[in-house]
PDB file of N, CA and C in Angstrom:
ATOM      1  N   MET A   1     -46.608  23.471 -16.633  1.00  0.00           N
ATOM      2  CA  MET A   1     -45.610  23.975 -17.504  1.00  0.00           C
ATOM      3  C   MET A   1     -45.227  24.967 -16.997  1.00  0.00           C
ATOM      4  N   SER A   2     -45.862  26.071 -16.799  1.00  0.00           N
ATOM      5  CA  SER A   2     -45.106  26.994 -16.582  1.00  0.00           C
ATOM      6  C   SER A   2     -43.719  27.070 -15.826  1.00  0.00           C
ATOM      7  N   ASP A   3     -43.127  25.958 -14.953  1.00  0.00           N
ATOM      8  CA  ASP A   3     -42.306  25.796 -14.231  1.00  0.00           C
ATOM      9  C   ASP A   3     -41.085  25.861 -15.868  1.00  0.00           C
ATOM     10  N   ASP A   4     -41.718  24.529 -16.144  1.00  0.00           N
ATOM     11  CA  ASP A   4     -40.611  24.599 -17.638  1.00  0.00           C
ATOM     12  C   ASP A   4     -40.058  25.596 -18.583  1.00  0.00           C
ATOM     13  N   ARG A   5     -40.847  26.466 -18.745  1.00  0.00           N
ATOM     14  CA  ARG A   5     -40.860  27.876 -19.603  1.00  0.00           C
ATOM     15  C   ARG A   5     -39.803  28.581 -18.295  1.00  0.00           C
ATOM     16  N   GLU A   6     -40.555  28.557 -17.141  1.00  0.00           N
ATOM     17  CA  GLU A   6     -39.615  29.895 -16.345  1.00  0.00           C
ATOM     18  C   GLU A   6     -38.251  29.125 -16.903  1.00  0.00           C
ATOM     19  N   GLY A   7     -37.325  28.349 -16.412  1.00  0.00           N
ATOM     20  CA  GLY A   7     -36.486  27.304 -16.406  1.00  0.00           C
ATOM     21  C   GLY A   7     -35.738  28.414 -17.737  1.00  0.00           C
ATOM     22  N   CYS A   8     -36.354  27.904 -18.848  1.00  0.00           N
ATOM     23  CA  CYS A   8     -36.006  28.311 -20.286  1.00  0.00           C
ATOM     24  C   CYS A   8     -35.899  29.688 -19.844  1.00  0.00           C
ATOM     25  N   VAL A   9     -36.593  30.299 -19.156  1.00  0.00           N
ATOM     26  CA  VAL A   9     -35.854  31.779 -19.528  1.00  0.00           C
ATOM     27  C   VAL A   9     -34.726  31.769 -19.195  1.00  0.00           C
ATOM     28  N   ASP A  10     -35.201  31.602 -17.513  1.00  0.00           N
ATOM     29  CA  ASP A  10     -33.578  31.777 -16.578  1.00  0.00           C
ATOM     30  C   ASP A  10     -32.127  31.253 -17.220  1.00  0.00           C
ATOM     31  N   PHE A  11     -32.233  30.236 -18.014  1.00  0.00           N
ATOM     32  CA  PHE A  11     -30.938  29.745 -18.742  1.00  0.00           C
ATOM     33  C   PHE A  11     -31.045  30.512 -20.267  1.00  0.00           C
ATOM     34  N   SER A  12     -32.035  30.769 -21.071  1.00  0.00           N
ATOM     35  CA  SER A  12     -31.753  32.087 -22.303  1.00  0.00           C
ATOM     36  C   SER A  12     -31.705  33.641 -21.130  1.00  0.00           C
ATOM     37  N   ARG A  13     -32.020  33.413 -20.696  1.00  0.00           N
ATOM     38  CA  ARG A  13     -31.189  34.931 -19.515  1.00  0.00           C
ATOM     39  C   ARG A  13     -29.803  34.782 -19.591  1.00  0.00           C
ATOM     40  N   LEU A  14     -29.321  34.166 -18.764  1.00  0.00           N
ATOM     41  CA  LEU A  14     -27.695  33.598 -18.701  1.00  0.00           C
ATOM     42  C   LEU A  14     -26.920  33.412 -20.253  1.00  0.00           C
ATOM     43  N   THR A  15     -27.246  33.085 -21.190  1.00  0.00           N
ATOM     44  CA  THR A  15     -26.379  33.322 -22.141  1.00  0.00           C
ATOM     45  C   THR A  15     -27.009  34.531 -22.682  1.00  0.00           C
ATOM     46  N   ASP A  16     -27.920  34.808 -22.201  1.00  0.00           N
ATOM     47  CA  ASP A  16     -28.092  36.184 -22.942  1.00  0.00           C
ATOM     48  C   ASP A  16     -27.654  37.414 -22.621  1.00  0.00           C
ATOM     49  N   SER A  17     -26.603  37.076 -21.099  1.00  0.00           N
ATOM     50  CA  SER A  17     -25.862  37.907 -20.560  1.00  0.00           C
ATOM     51  C   SER A  17     -24.591  37.224 -20.723  1.00  0.00           C
ATOM     52  N   ILE A  18     -24.103  36.338 -21.055  1.00  0.00           N
ATOM     53  CA  ILE A  18     -23.015  35.587 -21.531  1.00  0.00           C
ATOM     54  C   ILE A  18     -22.416  36.078 -22.421  1.00  0.00           C
ATOM     55  N   VAL A  19     -23.303  36.820 -24.121  1.00  0.00           N
ATOM     56  CA  VAL A  19     -23.532  36.667 -25.553  1.00  0.00           C
ATOM     57  C   VAL A  19     -22.974  38.292 -24.952  1.00  0.00           C
ATOM     58  N   ALA A  20     -23.419  39.214 -24.358  1.00  0.00           N
ATOM     59  CA  ALA A  20     -23.650  40.736 -23.655  1.00  0.00           C
ATOM     60  C   ALA A  20     -22.169  41.184 -23.323  1.00  0.00           C
ATOM     61  N   PHE A  21     -21.753  39.917 -22.449  1.00  0.00           N
ATOM     62  CA  PHE A  21     -20.263  40.267 -21.662  1.00  0.00           C
ATOM     63  C   PHE A  21     -19.073  40.259 -22.866  1.00  0.00           C
ATOM     64  N   VAL A  22     -19.178  39.025 -23.350  1.00  0.00           N
ATOM     65  CA  VAL A  22     -18.422  38.878 -25.410  1.00  0.00           C
ATOM     66  C   VAL A  22     -18.890  39.701 -26.019  1.00  0.00           C
ATOM     67  N   GLN A  23     -19.883  40.620 -25.997  1.00  0.00           N
ATOM     68  CA  GLN A  23     -19.683  41.627 -26.565  1.00  0.00           C
ATOM     69  C   GLN A  23     -19.249  42.685 -25.983  1.00  0.00           C
ATOM     70  N   ASN A  24     -19.370  43.531 -24.881  1.00  0.00           N
ATOM     71  CA  ASN A  24     -18.928  43.825 -24.594  1.00  0.00           C
ATOM     72  C   ASN A  24     -17.208  44.513 -24.224  1.00  0.00           C
ATOM     73  N   ASN A  25     -16.961  42.770 -23.844  1.00  0.00           N
ATOM     74  CA  ASN A  25     -15.388  43.055 -23.671  1.00  0.00           C
ATOM     75  C   ASN A  25     -15.008  41.801 -24.634  1.00  0.00           C
ATOM     76  N   PRO A  26     -14.620  42.036 -25.830  1.00  0.00           N
ATOM     77  CA  PRO A  26     -13.947  41.421 -26.409  1.00  0.00           C
ATOM     78  C   PRO A  26     -12.565  41.246 -26.309  1.00  0.00           C
ATOM     79  N   ILE A  27     -11.994  41.807 -26.186  1.00  0.00           N
ATOM     80  CA  ILE A  27     -10.338  41.539 -25.486  1.00  0.00           C
ATOM     81  C   ILE A  27     -10.470  39.831 -24.306  1.00  0.00           C
ATOM     82  N   ILE A  28     -11.126  40.995 -23.142  1.00  0.00           N
ATOM     83  CA  ILE A  28     -11.290  39.885 -22.170  1.00  0.00           C
ATOM     84  C   ILE A  28     -11.596  38.160 -22.460  1.00  0.00           C
ATOM     85  N   ALA A  29     -12.685  38.401 -23.537  1.00  0.00           N
ATOM     86  CA  ALA A  29     -13.131  37.281 -23.978  1.00  0.00           C
ATOM     87  C   ALA A  29     -12.010  36.353 -25.302  1.00  0.00           C
ATOM     88  N   ILE A  30     -11.566  36.912 -25.591  1.00  0.00           N
ATOM     89  CA  ILE A  30     -10.025  36.541 -26.681  1.00  0.00           C
ATOM     90  C   ILE A  30      -8.960  35.807 -26.158  1.00  0.00           C
ATOM     91  N   ILE A  31      -8.688  36.913 -24.862  1.00  0.00           N
ATOM     92  CA  ILE A  31      -7.440  36.021 -23.712  1.00  0.00           C
ATOM     93  C   ILE A  31      -8.405  34.535 -23.318  1.00  0.00           C
ATOM     94  N   LEU A  32      -9.415  34.998 -22.492  1.00  0.00           N
ATOM     95  CA  LEU A  32     -10.044  33.157 -22.604  1.00  0.00           C
ATOM     96  C   LEU A  32      -9.934  32.392 -23.847  1.00  0.00           C
ATOM     97  N   ALA A  33     -10.257  32.521 -24.349  1.00  0.00           N
ATOM     98  CA  ALA A  33     -10.330  31.625 -25.716  1.00  0.00           C
ATOM     99  C   ALA A  33      -9.257  31.289 -25.968  1.00  0.00           C
ATOM    100  N   LEU A  34      -8.125  32.259 -25.937  1.00  0.00           N
ATOM    101  CA  LEU A  34      -6.935  31.974 -26.361  1.00  0.00           C
ATOM    102  C   LEU A  34      -6.031  30.681 -25.280  1.00  0.00           C
ATOM    103  N   GLY A  35      -6.647  31.310 -23.862  1.00  0.00           N
ATOM    104  CA  GLY A  35      -6.108  29.925 -22.985  1.00  0.00           C
ATOM    105  C   GLY A  35      -6.834  29.280 -23.069  1.00  0.00           C
ATOM    106  N   LEU A  36      -7.676  29.058 -23.433  1.00  0.00           N
ATOM    107  CA  LEU A  36      -8.740  27.516 -23.327  1.00  0.00           C
ATOM    108  C   LEU A  36      -8.062  27.014 -24.003  1.00  0.00           C
ATOM    109  N   LEU A  37      -7.593  27.319 -25.365  1.00  0.00           N
ATOM    110  CA  LEU A  37      -7.248  26.704 -26.392  1.00  0.00           C
ATOM    111  C   LEU A  37      -5.562  26.467 -26.028  1.00  0.00           C
ATOM    112  N   PHE A  38      -4.749  27.468 -25.371  1.00  0.00           N
ATOM    113  CA  PHE A  38      -3.444  26.496 -25.018  1.00  0.00           C
ATOM    114  C   PHE A  38      -3.712  25.228 -24.264  1.00  0.00           C
ATOM    115  N   PHE A  39      -4.842  26.229 -22.857  1.00  0.00           N
ATOM    116  CA  PHE A  39      -4.613  24.228 -22.207  1.00  0.00           C
ATOM    117  C   PHE A  39      -5.220  22.982 -22.805  1.00  0.00           C
ATOM    118  N   MET A  40      -6.403  23.218 -24.186  1.00  0.00           N
ATOM    119  CA  MET A  40      -6.844  22.105 -24.600  1.00  0.00           C
ATOM    120  C   MET A  40      -5.380  21.275 -25.528  1.00  0.00           C
ATOM    121  N   TYR A  41      -4.786  22.058 -26.390  1.00  0.00           N
ATOM    122  CA  TYR A  41      -3.558  21.447 -26.900  1.00  0.00           C
ATOM    123  C   TYR A  41      -2.552  21.566 -25.952  1.00  0.00           C
ATOM    124  N   ARG A  42      -1.534  22.279 -24.794  1.00  0.00           N
ATOM    125  CA  ARG A  42      -0.882  21.734 -23.949  1.00  0.00           C
ATOM    126  C   ARG A  42      -0.976  20.466 -23.192  1.00  0.00           C
ATOM    127  N   LYS A  43      -2.580  20.956 -22.348  1.00  0.00           N
ATOM    128  CA  LYS A  43      -2.691  19.850 -21.306  1.00  0.00           C
ATOM    129  C   LYS A  43      -4.011  19.133 -21.320  1.00  0.00           C
ATOM    130  N   PRO A  44      -4.701  18.681 -22.253  1.00  0.00           N
ATOM    131  CA  PRO A  44      -5.524  18.358 -22.818  1.00  0.00           C
ATOM    132  C   PRO A  44      -6.375  17.695 -21.453  1.00  0.00           C
ATOM    133  N   LYS A  45      -5.363  16.573 -20.452  1.00  0.00           N
ATOM    134  CA  LYS A  45      -6.189  16.193 -19.089  1.00  0.00           C
ATOM    135  C   LYS A  45      -7.150  17.405 -18.282  1.00  0.00           C
ATOM    136  N   PHE A  46      -6.382  18.575 -18.473  1.00  0.00           N
ATOM    137  CA  PHE A  46      -6.609  19.607 -17.723  1.00  0.00           C
ATOM    138  C   PHE A  46      -7.397  20.407 -18.115  1.00  0.00           C
ATOM    139  N   PHE A  47      -7.894  20.642 -19.302  1.00  0.00           N
ATOM    140  CA  PHE A  47      -8.855  21.637 -20.547  1.00  0.00           C
ATOM    141  C   PHE A  47      -9.957  20.522 -20.218  1.00  0.00           C
ATOM    142  N   PHE A  48      -9.602  19.453 -19.889  1.00  0.00           N
ATOM    143  CA  PHE A  48     -11.128  18.425 -20.031  1.00  0.00           C
ATOM    144  C   PHE A  48     -11.788  18.463 -18.608  1.00  0.00           C
ATOM    145  N   GLY A  49     -10.572  18.088 -17.771  1.00  0.00           N
ATOM    146  CA  GLY A  49     -10.807  18.156 -16.607  1.00  0.00           C
ATOM    147  C   GLY A  49     -11.903  19.861 -16.135  1.00  0.00           C
ATOM    148  N   LEU A  50     -11.534  20.546 -16.509  1.00  0.00           N
ATOM    149  CA  LEU A  50     -11.682  22.163 -16.379  1.00  0.00           C
ATOM    150  C   LEU A  50     -13.215  21.935 -16.879  1.00  0.00           C
ATOM    151  N   LEU A  51     -13.333  21.413 -18.606  1.00  0.00           N
ATOM    152  CA  LEU A  51     -14.625  21.214 -18.934  1.00  0.00           C
ATOM    153  C   LEU A  51     -15.939  20.456 -18.323  1.00  0.00           C
ATOM    154  N   GLY A  52     -15.684  19.995 -17.926  1.00  0.00           N
ATOM    155  CA  GLY A  52     -16.157  18.664 -16.753  1.00  0.00           C
ATOM    156  C   GLY A  52     -17.002  19.594 -15.885  1.00  0.00           C
ATOM    157  N   LEU A  53     -15.590  20.633 -14.749  1.00  0.00           N
ATOM    158  CA  LEU A  53     -15.632  20.963 -14.161  1.00  0.00           C
ATOM    159  C   LEU A  53     -17.409  22.217 -14.298  1.00  0.00           C
ATOM    160  N   GLY A  54     -16.792  22.700 -15.190  1.00  0.00           N
ATOM    161  CA  GLY A  54     -17.088  23.857 -15.675  1.00  0.00           C
ATOM    162  C   GLY A  54     -18.856  23.275 -15.965  1.00  0.00           C
ATOM    163  N   LEU A  55     -18.725  22.067 -16.810  1.00  0.00           N
ATOM    164  CA  LEU A  55     -20.779  21.952 -17.242  1.00  0.00           C
ATOM    165  C   LEU A  55     -21.171  21.325 -16.179  1.00  0.00           C
ATOM    166  N   LEU A  56     -20.581  20.516 -14.245  1.00  0.00           N
ATOM    167  CA  LEU A  56     -20.715  20.713 -13.762  1.00  0.00           C
ATOM    168  C   LEU A  56     -21.391  21.420 -13.116  1.00  0.00           C
ATOM    169  N   LEU A  57     -20.611  22.287 -12.493  1.00  0.00           N
ATOM    170  CA  LEU A  57     -21.268  23.542 -11.841  1.00  0.00           C
ATOM    171  C   LEU A  57     -22.747  24.127 -12.766  1.00  0.00           C
ATOM    172  N   ALA A  58     -22.314  24.481 -13.356  1.00  0.00           N
ATOM    173  CA  ALA A  58     -23.691  25.109 -14.801  1.00  0.00           C
ATOM    174  C   ALA A  58     -25.177  24.593 -14.783  1.00  0.00           C
ATOM    175  N   GLY A  59     -25.074  23.064 -14.469  1.00  0.00           N
ATOM    176  CA  GLY A  59     -25.500  21.939 -13.971  1.00  0.00           C
ATOM    177  C   GLY A  59     -26.305  21.946 -12.871  1.00  0.00           C
ATOM    178  N   LEU A  60     -25.302  22.604 -11.918  1.00  0.00           N
ATOM    179  CA  LEU A  60     -25.882  22.687 -10.346  1.00  0.00           C
ATOM    180  C   LEU A  60     -26.791  24.188 -10.626  1.00  0.00           C
ATOM    181  N   LEU A  61     -26.150  25.323 -11.097  1.00  0.00           N
ATOM    182  CA  LEU A  61     -26.304  25.978 -10.894  1.00  0.00           C
ATOM    183  C   LEU A  61     -28.063  26.653 -11.618  1.00  0.00           C
ATOM    184  N   TYR A  62     -28.465  25.792 -12.573  1.00  0.00           N
ATOM    185  CA  TYR A  62     -29.560  25.661 -13.277  1.00  0.00           C
ATOM    186  C   TYR A  62     -30.902  25.062 -12.118  1.00  0.00           C
ATOM    187  N   VAL A  63     -30.520  23.745 -11.836  1.00  0.00           N
ATOM    188  CA  VAL A  63     -30.917  22.846 -10.648  1.00  0.00           C
ATOM    189  C   VAL A  63     -31.238  24.057  -9.686  1.00  0.00           C
ATOM    190  N   ILE A  64     -30.413  25.009  -9.162  1.00  0.00           N
ATOM    191  CA  ILE A  64     -30.903  25.588  -7.792  1.00  0.00           C
ATOM    192  C   ILE A  64     -32.214  26.293  -8.490  1.00  0.00           C
ATOM    193  N   MET A  65     -31.522  27.251  -9.504  1.00  0.00           N
ATOM    194  CA  MET A  65     -32.128  28.408 -10.263  1.00  0.00           C
ATOM    195  C   MET A  65     -34.053  27.346 -10.048  1.00  0.00           C
ATOM    196  N   THR A  66     -33.975  26.472 -10.792  1.00  0.00           N
ATOM    197  CA  THR A  66     -35.026  25.740 -11.046  1.00  0.00           C
ATOM    198  C   THR A  66     -35.840  25.563 -10.096  1.00  0.00           C
ATOM    199  N   MET A  67     -35.045  24.933  -8.967  1.00  0.00           N
ATOM    200  CA  MET A  67     -35.672  25.001  -7.741  1.00  0.00           C
ATOM    201  C   MET A  67     -36.363  25.557  -7.454  1.00  0.00           C
ATOM    202  N   ALA A  68     -35.105  26.850  -6.700  1.00  0.00           N
ATOM    203  CA  ALA A  68     -35.850  28.302  -6.501  1.00  0.00           C
ATOM    204  C   ALA A  68     -36.915  28.869  -6.662  1.00  0.00           C
ATOM    205  N   GLY A  69     -36.789  29.219  -8.045  1.00  0.00           N
ATOM    206  CA  GLY A  69     -38.440  29.184  -8.739  1.00  0.00           C
ATOM    207  C   GLY A  69     -39.418  28.407  -8.293  1.00  0.00           C
ATOM    208  N   SER A  70     -39.079  27.711  -8.624  1.00  0.00           N
ATOM    209  CA  SER A  70     -41.018  27.168  -8.249  1.00  0.00           C
ATOM    210  C   SER A  70     -40.961  27.085  -6.862  1.00  0.00           C
ATOM    211  N   GLY A  71     -40.374  27.390  -6.008  1.00  0.00           N
ATOM    212  CA  GLY A  71     -40.365  27.158  -3.933  1.00  0.00           C
ATOM    213  C   GLY A  71     -40.633  28.781  -3.788  1.00  0.00           C
ATOM    214  N   SER A  72     -40.866  29.711  -5.039  1.00  0.00           N
ATOM    215  CA  SER A  72     -41.234  31.163  -4.562  1.00  0.00           C
ATOM    216  C   SER A  72     -42.440  31.414  -4.735  1.00  0.00           C
ATOM    217  N   GLU A  73     -42.828  30.243  -6.579  1.00  0.00           N
ATOM    218  CA  GLU A  73     -44.211  30.398  -6.748  1.00  0.00           C
ATOM    219  C   GLU A  73     -45.327  29.892  -5.838  1.00  0.00           C
ATOM    220  N   LYS A  74     -44.605  29.180  -4.890  1.00  0.00           N
ATOM    221  CA  LYS A  74     -45.207  28.407  -4.142  1.00  0.00           C
ATOM    222  C   LYS A  74     -46.006  30.201  -3.414  1.00  0.00           C
ATOM    223  N   LYS A  75     -44.616  29.595  -2.337  1.00  0.00           N
ATOM    224  CA  LYS A  75     -44.544  30.802  -1.290  1.00  0.00           C
ATOM    225  C   LYS A  75     -45.909  32.113  -2.088  1.00  0.00           C
ATOM    226  N   ASN A  76     -45.500  32.635  -3.266  1.00  0.00           N
ATOM    227  CA  ASN A  76     -46.646  33.812  -3.053  1.00  0.00           C
ATOM    228  C   ASN A  76     -47.784  33.154  -3.878  1.00  0.00           C
ATOM    229  N   ALA A  77     -47.729  31.871  -4.559  1.00  0.00           N
ATOM    230  CA  ALA A  77     -49.430  31.562  -3.948  1.00  0.00           C
ATOM    231  C   ALA A  77     -50.066  31.398  -3.018  1.00  0.00           C
ATOM    232  N   LEU A  78     -49.398  30.738  -1.515  1.00  0.00           N
ATOM    233  CA  LEU A  78     -49.955  30.587  -0.394  1.00  0.00           C
ATOM    234  C   LEU A  78     -50.583  31.514   0.149  1.00  0.00           C
ATOM    235  N   THR A  79     -49.448  32.991   0.188  1.00  0.00           N
ATOM    236  CA  THR A  79     -49.486  34.179   0.776  1.00  0.00           C
ATOM    237  C   THR A  79     -50.193  34.673  -0.050  1.00  0.00           C
ATOM    238  N   HIS A  80     -50.557  34.894  -1.109  1.00  0.00           N
ATOM    239  CA  HIS A  80     -51.915  35.700  -1.927  1.00  0.00           C
ATOM    240  C   HIS A  80     -52.822  35.145  -1.360  1.00  0.00           C
ATOM    241  N   GLU A  81     -52.836  33.480  -1.631  1.00  0.00           N
ATOM    242  CA  GLU A  81     -54.188  32.788  -0.555  1.00  0.00           C
ATOM    243  C   GLU A  81     -54.652  33.079   0.467  1.00  0.00           C
ATOM    244  N   GLN A  82     -54.010  33.258   1.507  1.00  0.00           N
ATOM    245  CA  GLN A  82     -53.977  33.674   2.550  1.00  0.00           C
ATOM    246  C   GLN A  82     -54.715  35.075   3.097  1.00  0.00           C
ATOM    247  N   GLU A  83     -53.611  36.012   1.479  1.00  0.00           N
ATOM    248  CA  GLU A  83     -54.248  37.997   1.741  1.00  0.00           C
ATOM    249  C   GLU A  83     -55.744  37.922   1.089  1.00  0.00           C
ATOM    250  N   GLN A  84     -55.981  36.430   0.636  1.00  0.00           N
ATOM    251  CA  GLN A  84     -57.925  36.056   0.112  1.00  0.00           C
ATOM    252  C   GLN A  84     -58.509  36.360   0.925  1.00  0.00           C
ATOM    253  N   SER A  85     -57.656  35.168   1.566  1.00  0.00           N
ATOM    254  CA  SER A  85     -59.554  34.193   2.764  1.00  0.00           C
ATOM    255  C   SER A  85     -59.511  35.639   4.412  1.00  0.00           C
ATOM    256  N   ASP A  86     -58.062  36.140   4.441  1.00  0.00           N
ATOM    257  CA  ASP A  86     -57.961  37.547   5.508  1.00  0.00           C
ATOM    258  C   ASP A  86     -58.674  38.400   4.708  1.00  0.00           C
ATOM    259  N   GLY A  87     -59.147  38.779   3.699  1.00  0.00           N
ATOM    260  CA  GLY A  87     -60.093  40.325   2.558  1.00  0.00           C
ATOM    261  C   GLY A  87     -61.129  39.348   3.140  1.00  0.00           C
ATOM    262  N   ASN A  88     -61.269  38.318   2.793  1.00  0.00           N
ATOM    263  CA  ASN A  88     -62.786  37.634   2.844  1.00  0.00           C
ATOM    264  C   ASN A  88     -63.450  38.136   4.147  1.00  0.00           C
ATOM    265  N   GLN A  89     -62.732  38.050   5.499  1.00  0.00           N
ATOM    266  CA  GLN A  89     -63.146  37.799   7.250  1.00  0.00           C
ATOM    267  C   GLN A  89     -63.788  38.774   7.323  1.00  0.00           C
TER     268      GLN A  89
END
């Protein structure tokens, strides 16, 4: 259960950082939005290719972050378990 919640926290942190970037850099965000609208209007095939690539990369990043988080938790648990057994001897 904790693994699922940590994945949500990472995704929430990612969206918060994107929102913060947009709020701190409105000119860059407007230029990016206009560029995407231009590609959507003039070259829809290219736009949907970029959109698909972005979604694929975002999904891949999410999977990597989820797997890395669970692996580091197990490593910390094993290290903590080993330290307790060393302290008992």
